[in-house]
């Protein structure tokens, strides 16, 4: 039995997503698997191809 390939984030979703804190646009960091909000200084994780748009789950940017 083979394991299915993980679902990847579809960058076209960026057209519909905004930062939940600032309502500004996001950028996609493919290497880290995160959506970046420069305005809020936060990086939102993407898990199994699904963005987790919760401020409590976001990583603070340096």
C-alpha atoms as a PDB file:
ATOM      1  CA  UNK A   1       0.000   0.000   0.000  1.00  0.00           C
ATOM      2  CA  UNK A   2       1.397   3.401  -0.961  1.00  0.00           C
ATOM      3  CA  UNK A   3       1.032   6.648   0.947  1.00  0.00           C
ATOM      4  CA  UNK A   4      -0.728   9.442  -0.966  1.00  0.00           C
ATOM      5  CA  UNK A   5       1.355  12.499  -1.821  1.00  0.00           C
ATOM      6  CA  UNK A   6       0.829  15.430   0.547  1.00  0.00           C
ATOM      7  CA  UNK A   7      -1.437  18.182  -0.688  1.00  0.00           C
ATOM      8  CA  UNK A   8       0.437  21.323  -1.562  1.00  0.00           C
ATOM      9  CA  UNK A   9      -0.747  24.865  -1.029  1.00  0.00           C
ATOM     10  CA  UNK A  10      -2.280  26.425  -4.136  1.00  0.00           C
ATOM     11  CA  UNK A  11      -0.804  29.949  -4.471  1.00  0.00           C
ATOM     12  CA  UNK A  12      -3.993  31.059  -6.236  1.00  0.00           C
ATOM     13  CA  UNK A  13      -5.573  31.064  -2.774  1.00  0.00           C
ATOM     14  CA  UNK A  14      -3.579  34.233  -2.034  1.00  0.00           C
ATOM     15  CA  UNK A  15      -6.100  36.142  -4.133  1.00  0.00           C
ATOM     16  CA  UNK A  16      -8.784  35.405  -1.526  1.00  0.00           C
ATOM     17  CA  UNK A  17      -6.777  35.373   1.712  1.00  0.00           C
ATOM     18  CA  UNK A  18      -5.784  38.349   3.857  1.00  0.00           C
ATOM     19  CA  UNK A  19      -4.109  38.675   7.226  1.00  0.00           C
ATOM     20  CA  UNK A  20      -6.756  38.201   9.949  1.00  0.00           C
ATOM     21  CA  UNK A  21      -5.106  40.881  12.098  1.00  0.00           C
ATOM     22  CA  UNK A  22      -4.424  43.673   9.577  1.00  0.00           C
ATOM     23  CA  UNK A  23      -6.596  42.708   6.582  1.00  0.00           C
ATOM     24  CA  UNK A  24      -3.549  43.175   4.313  1.00  0.00           C
ATOM     25  CA  UNK A  25      -2.241  40.891   1.568  1.00  0.00           C
ATOM     26  CA  UNK A  26      -0.024  37.913   2.277  1.00  0.00           C
ATOM     27  CA  UNK A  27       2.993  36.441   0.553  1.00  0.00           C
ATOM     28  CA  UNK A  28       3.768  32.742   0.216  1.00  0.00           C
ATOM     29  CA  UNK A  29       7.068  31.410   1.566  1.00  0.00           C
ATOM     30  CA  UNK A  30       7.327  28.068  -0.215  1.00  0.00           C
ATOM     31  CA  UNK A  31      10.512  26.974   1.606  1.00  0.00           C
ATOM     32  CA  UNK A  32       8.990  27.357   5.070  1.00  0.00           C
ATOM     33  CA  UNK A  33       5.428  26.495   4.091  1.00  0.00           C
ATOM     34  CA  UNK A  34       4.027  29.705   5.522  1.00  0.00           C
ATOM     35  CA  UNK A  35       1.962  32.716   4.555  1.00  0.00           C
ATOM     36  CA  UNK A  36       3.691  35.940   5.545  1.00  0.00           C
ATOM     37  CA  UNK A  37       2.020  39.121   6.764  1.00  0.00           C
ATOM     38  CA  UNK A  38       4.696  41.817   6.750  1.00  0.00           C
ATOM     39  CA  UNK A  39       2.226  44.364   8.169  1.00  0.00           C
ATOM     40  CA  UNK A  40       1.532  42.218  11.245  1.00  0.00           C
ATOM     41  CA  UNK A  41       5.018  40.689  11.458  1.00  0.00           C
ATOM     42  CA  UNK A  42       3.520  37.202  11.455  1.00  0.00           C
ATOM     43  CA  UNK A  43       3.962  33.955   9.539  1.00  0.00           C
ATOM     44  CA  UNK A  44       0.919  31.682   9.325  1.00  0.00           C
ATOM     45  CA  UNK A  45       1.612  27.944   8.944  1.00  0.00           C
ATOM     46  CA  UNK A  46       0.254  25.790   6.148  1.00  0.00           C
ATOM     47  CA  UNK A  47      -0.661  22.297   7.308  1.00  0.00           C
ATOM     48  CA  UNK A  48      -1.597  19.589   4.816  1.00  0.00           C
ATOM     49  CA  UNK A  49      -2.086  22.274   2.178  1.00  0.00           C
ATOM     50  CA  UNK A  50      -4.465  24.295   4.361  1.00  0.00           C
ATOM     51  CA  UNK A  51      -3.463  27.732   5.710  1.00  0.00           C
ATOM     52  CA  UNK A  52      -3.988  28.093   9.458  1.00  0.00           C
ATOM     53  CA  UNK A  53      -5.123  31.705   9.682  1.00  0.00           C
ATOM     54  CA  UNK A  54      -5.188  31.993  13.475  1.00  0.00           C
ATOM     55  CA  UNK A  55      -3.065  34.681  15.109  1.00  0.00           C
ATOM     56  CA  UNK A  56      -2.452  32.350  18.074  1.00  0.00           C
ATOM     57  CA  UNK A  57      -0.917  29.768  15.688  1.00  0.00           C
ATOM     58  CA  UNK A  58       1.268  32.280  13.800  1.00  0.00           C
ATOM     59  CA  UNK A  59       5.016  32.633  14.254  1.00  0.00           C
ATOM     60  CA  UNK A  60       6.388  36.122  14.978  1.00  0.00           C
ATOM     61  CA  UNK A  61       8.834  37.326  12.347  1.00  0.00           C
ATOM     62  CA  UNK A  62      12.283  38.466  13.440  1.00  0.00           C
END
